């Protein structure tokens, strides 16, 4: 009951065919794996570009916000200075009004004295 030579040859042929199929599948799997790795690499590059762009935009925005804060602070200082100058002008005008009123009284008094002479 030992297997015949042709039967053994058939088994060997079948094993060789299976081996060839397995090798072909392995080649396909390797190619697919390589393609997947390439896609992953591209995605990582894109992700890095997006992150870099986002970081650049954030930095740029923060710079602009910083400039705006400086502008606002400068304008506040200018407003405060202008208000102080305005208050000083109002005091000066008020003081001059008092002086003018005083001079007008003095002028009326002198006119009265002249009339009395």
C-alpha atoms as a PDB file:
ATOM      1  CA  UNK A   1       0.000   0.000   0.000  1.00  0.00           C
ATOM      2  CA  UNK A   2       2.826   2.493  -0.550  1.00  0.00           C
ATOM      3  CA  UNK A   3       1.990   5.480  -2.851  1.00  0.00           C
ATOM      4  CA  UNK A   4       2.982   5.156  -6.493  1.00  0.00           C
ATOM      5  CA  UNK A   5       5.694   7.256  -8.134  1.00  0.00           C
ATOM      6  CA  UNK A   6       3.120   9.237 -10.176  1.00  0.00           C
ATOM      7  CA  UNK A   7       1.143   9.937  -7.012  1.00  0.00           C
ATOM      8  CA  UNK A   8       4.292  11.292  -5.307  1.00  0.00           C
ATOM      9  CA  UNK A   9       5.088  13.386  -8.405  1.00  0.00           C
ATOM     10  CA  UNK A  10       1.531  14.797  -8.329  1.00  0.00           C
ATOM     11  CA  UNK A  11       1.951  15.723  -4.638  1.00  0.00           C
ATOM     12  CA  UNK A  12       5.323  17.409  -5.410  1.00  0.00           C
ATOM     13  CA  UNK A  13       3.763  19.335  -8.349  1.00  0.00           C
ATOM     14  CA  UNK A  14       0.861  20.441  -6.127  1.00  0.00           C
ATOM     15  CA  UNK A  15       3.316  21.561  -3.390  1.00  0.00           C
ATOM     16  CA  UNK A  16       5.378  23.515  -5.970  1.00  0.00           C
ATOM     17  CA  UNK A  17       2.204  25.169  -7.316  1.00  0.00           C
ATOM     18  CA  UNK A  18       1.123  26.090  -3.770  1.00  0.00           C
ATOM     19  CA  UNK A  19       4.600  27.442  -3.066  1.00  0.00           C
ATOM     20  CA  UNK A  20       4.528  29.550  -6.260  1.00  0.00           C
ATOM     21  CA  UNK A  21       1.060  30.871  -5.378  1.00  0.00           C
ATOM     22  CA  UNK A  22       2.248  31.716  -1.848  1.00  0.00           C
ATOM     23  CA  UNK A  23       5.284  33.575  -3.232  1.00  0.00           C
ATOM     24  CA  UNK A  24       3.081  35.536  -5.657  1.00  0.00           C
ATOM     25  CA  UNK A  25       0.733  36.417  -2.773  1.00  0.00           C
ATOM     26  CA  UNK A  26       3.723  37.508  -0.661  1.00  0.00           C
ATOM     27  CA  UNK A  27       4.946  39.747  -3.493  1.00  0.00           C
ATOM     28  CA  UNK A  28       1.441  41.281  -3.747  1.00  0.00           C
ATOM     29  CA  UNK A  29       1.297  41.770   0.022  1.00  0.00           C
ATOM     30  CA  UNK A  30       4.737  43.406   0.066  1.00  0.00           C
ATOM     31  CA  UNK A  31       3.719  45.734  -2.798  1.00  0.00           C
ATOM     32  CA  UNK A  32       0.473  46.641  -0.989  1.00  0.00           C
ATOM     33  CA  UNK A  33       2.384  47.247   2.246  1.00  0.00           C
ATOM     34  CA  UNK A  34       4.882  49.482   0.433  1.00  0.00           C
ATOM     35  CA  UNK A  35       2.026  51.449  -1.187  1.00  0.00           C
ATOM     36  CA  UNK A  36       0.366  51.825   2.220  1.00  0.00           C
ATOM     37  CA  UNK A  37       3.626  53.109   3.702  1.00  0.00           C
ATOM     38  CA  UNK A  38       4.002  55.622   0.853  1.00  0.00           C
ATOM     39  CA  UNK A  39       0.428  56.859   1.402  1.00  0.00           C
ATOM     40  CA  UNK A  40       1.065  57.107   5.135  1.00  0.00           C
ATOM     41  CA  UNK A  41       4.282  59.045   4.483  1.00  0.00           C
ATOM     42  CA  UNK A  42       2.416  61.482   2.192  1.00  0.00           C
ATOM     43  CA  UNK A  43      -0.330  61.909   4.799  1.00  0.00           C
ATOM     44  CA  UNK A  44       2.262  62.615   7.503  1.00  0.00           C
ATOM     45  CA  UNK A  45       3.910  65.235   5.260  1.00  0.00           C
ATOM     46  CA  UNK A  46       0.519  66.861   4.586  1.00  0.00           C
ATOM     47  CA  UNK A  47      -0.300  66.788   8.291  1.00  0.00           C
ATOM     48  CA  UNK A  48       3.046  68.455   9.074  1.00  0.00           C
ATOM     49  CA  UNK A  49       2.394  71.113   6.399  1.00  0.00           C
ATOM     50  CA  UNK A  50      -1.061  71.783   7.861  1.00  0.00           C
ATOM     51  CA  UNK A  51       0.377  72.017  11.380  1.00  0.00           C
ATOM     52  CA  UNK A  52       3.180  74.321  10.185  1.00  0.00           C
ATOM     53  CA  UNK A  53       0.702  76.534   8.330  1.00  0.00           C
ATOM     54  CA  UNK A  54      -1.587  76.585  11.364  1.00  0.00           C
ATOM     55  CA  UNK A  55       1.336  77.495  13.647  1.00  0.00           C
ATOM     56  CA  UNK A  56       2.439  80.230  11.217  1.00  0.00           C
ATOM     57  CA  UNK A  57      -1.117  81.616  11.090  1.00  0.00           C
ATOM     58  CA  UNK A  58      -1.347  81.560  14.893  1.00  0.00           C
ATOM     59  CA  UNK A  59       2.027  83.292  15.255  1.00  0.00           C
ATOM     60  CA  UNK A  60       1.044  85.874  12.641  1.00  0.00           C
ATOM     61  CA  UNK A  61      -2.298  86.444  14.389  1.00  0.00           C
ATOM     62  CA  UNK A  62      -0.556  86.842  17.755  1.00  0.00           C
ATOM     63  CA  UNK A  63       1.872  89.353  16.194  1.00  0.00           C
ATOM     64  CA  UNK A  64      -1.030  91.361  14.729  1.00  0.00           C
ATOM     65  CA  UNK A  65      -2.899  91.198  18.053  1.00  0.00           C
ATOM     66  CA  UNK A  66       0.249  92.419  19.823  1.00  0.00           C
ATOM     67  CA  UNK A  67       0.546  95.348  17.400  1.00  0.00           C
ATOM     68  CA  UNK A  68      -3.136  96.196  17.948  1.00  0.00           C
ATOM     69  CA  UNK A  69      -2.626  96.112  21.730  1.00  0.00           C
ATOM     70  CA  UNK A  70       0.336  98.474  21.359  1.00  0.00           C
ATOM     71  CA  UNK A  71      -1.685 100.803  19.100  1.00  0.00           C
ATOM     72  CA  UNK A  72      -4.560 100.832  21.600  1.00  0.00           C
ATOM     73  CA  UNK A  73      -2.206 101.566  24.500  1.00  0.00           C
ATOM     74  CA  UNK A  74      -0.557 104.382  22.510  1.00  0.00           C
ATOM     75  CA  UNK A  75      -3.950 105.889  21.612  1.00  0.00           C
ATOM     76  CA  UNK A  76      -5.022 105.739  25.256  1.00  0.00           C
ATOM     77  CA  UNK A  77      -1.858 107.613  26.251  1.00  0.00           C
ATOM     78  CA  UNK A  78      -2.513 110.199  23.525  1.00  0.00           C
ATOM     79  CA  UNK A  79      -6.145 110.566  24.662  1.00  0.00           C
ATOM     80  CA  UNK A  80      -5.087 111.031  28.291  1.00  0.00           C
ATOM     81  CA  UNK A  81      -2.491 113.614  27.251  1.00  0.00           C
ATOM     82  CA  UNK A  82      -5.047 115.430  25.068  1.00  0.00           C
ATOM     83  CA  UNK A  83      -7.568 115.395  27.957  1.00  0.00           C
ATOM     84  CA  UNK A  84      -4.981 116.837  30.354  1.00  0.00           C
ATOM     85  CA  UNK A  85      -4.109 119.545  27.830  1.00  0.00           C
ATOM     86  CA  UNK A  86      -7.820 120.297  27.347  1.00  0.00           C
ATOM     87  CA  UNK A  87      -8.384 120.549  31.108  1.00  0.00           C
ATOM     88  CA  UNK A  88      -5.374 122.869  31.378  1.00  0.00           C
ATOM     89  CA  UNK A  89      -6.773 125.016  28.534  1.00  0.00           C
ATOM     90  CA  UNK A  90     -10.162 125.158  30.250  1.00  0.00           C
ATOM     91  CA  UNK A  91      -8.470 126.272  33.496  1.00  0.00           C
ATOM     92  CA  UNK A  92      -6.440 128.883  31.596  1.00  0.00           C
ATOM     93  CA  UNK A  93      -9.568 130.198  29.839  1.00  0.00           C
ATOM     94  CA  UNK A  94     -11.482 130.261  33.120  1.00  0.00           C
ATOM     95  CA  UNK A  95      -8.590 132.116  34.785  1.00  0.00           C
ATOM     96  CA  UNK A  96      -8.464 134.607  31.900  1.00  0.00           C
ATOM     97  CA  UNK A  97     -12.254 135.120  32.141  1.00  0.00           C
ATOM     98  CA  UNK A  98     -11.796 135.982  35.834  1.00  0.00           C
ATOM     99  CA  UNK A  99      -8.963 138.385  34.911  1.00  0.00           C
ATOM    100  CA  UNK A 100     -11.099 139.984  32.169  1.00  0.00           C
ATOM    101  CA  UNK A 101     -14.043 140.367  34.584  1.00  0.00           C
ATOM    102  CA  UNK A 102     -11.672 141.923  37.113  1.00  0.00           C
ATOM    103  CA  UNK A 103     -10.271 144.302  34.450  1.00  0.00           C
ATOM    104  CA  UNK A 104     -13.785 145.242  33.265  1.00  0.00           C
ATOM    105  CA  UNK A 105     -14.764 146.116  36.878  1.00  0.00           C
ATOM    106  CA  UNK A 106     -11.585 148.115  37.275  1.00  0.00           C
ATOM    107  CA  UNK A 107     -12.315 149.885  33.954  1.00  0.00           C
ATOM    108  CA  UNK A 108     -15.874 150.777  35.067  1.00  0.00           C
ATOM    109  CA  UNK A 109     -14.564 152.045  38.396  1.00  0.00           C
ATOM    110  CA  UNK A 110     -11.965 154.235  36.651  1.00  0.00           C
ATOM    111  CA  UNK A 111     -14.624 155.593  34.237  1.00  0.00           C
ATOM    112  CA  UNK A 112     -16.831 156.364  37.197  1.00  0.00           C
ATOM    113  CA  UNK A 113     -13.938 158.182  38.883  1.00  0.00           C
ATOM    114  CA  UNK A 114     -13.333 160.155  35.648  1.00  0.00           C
ATOM    115  CA  UNK A 115     -17.014 161.132  35.483  1.00  0.00           C
ATOM    116  CA  UNK A 116     -16.967 162.112  39.126  1.00  0.00           C
ATOM    117  CA  UNK A 117     -14.054 164.510  38.505  1.00  0.00           C
END
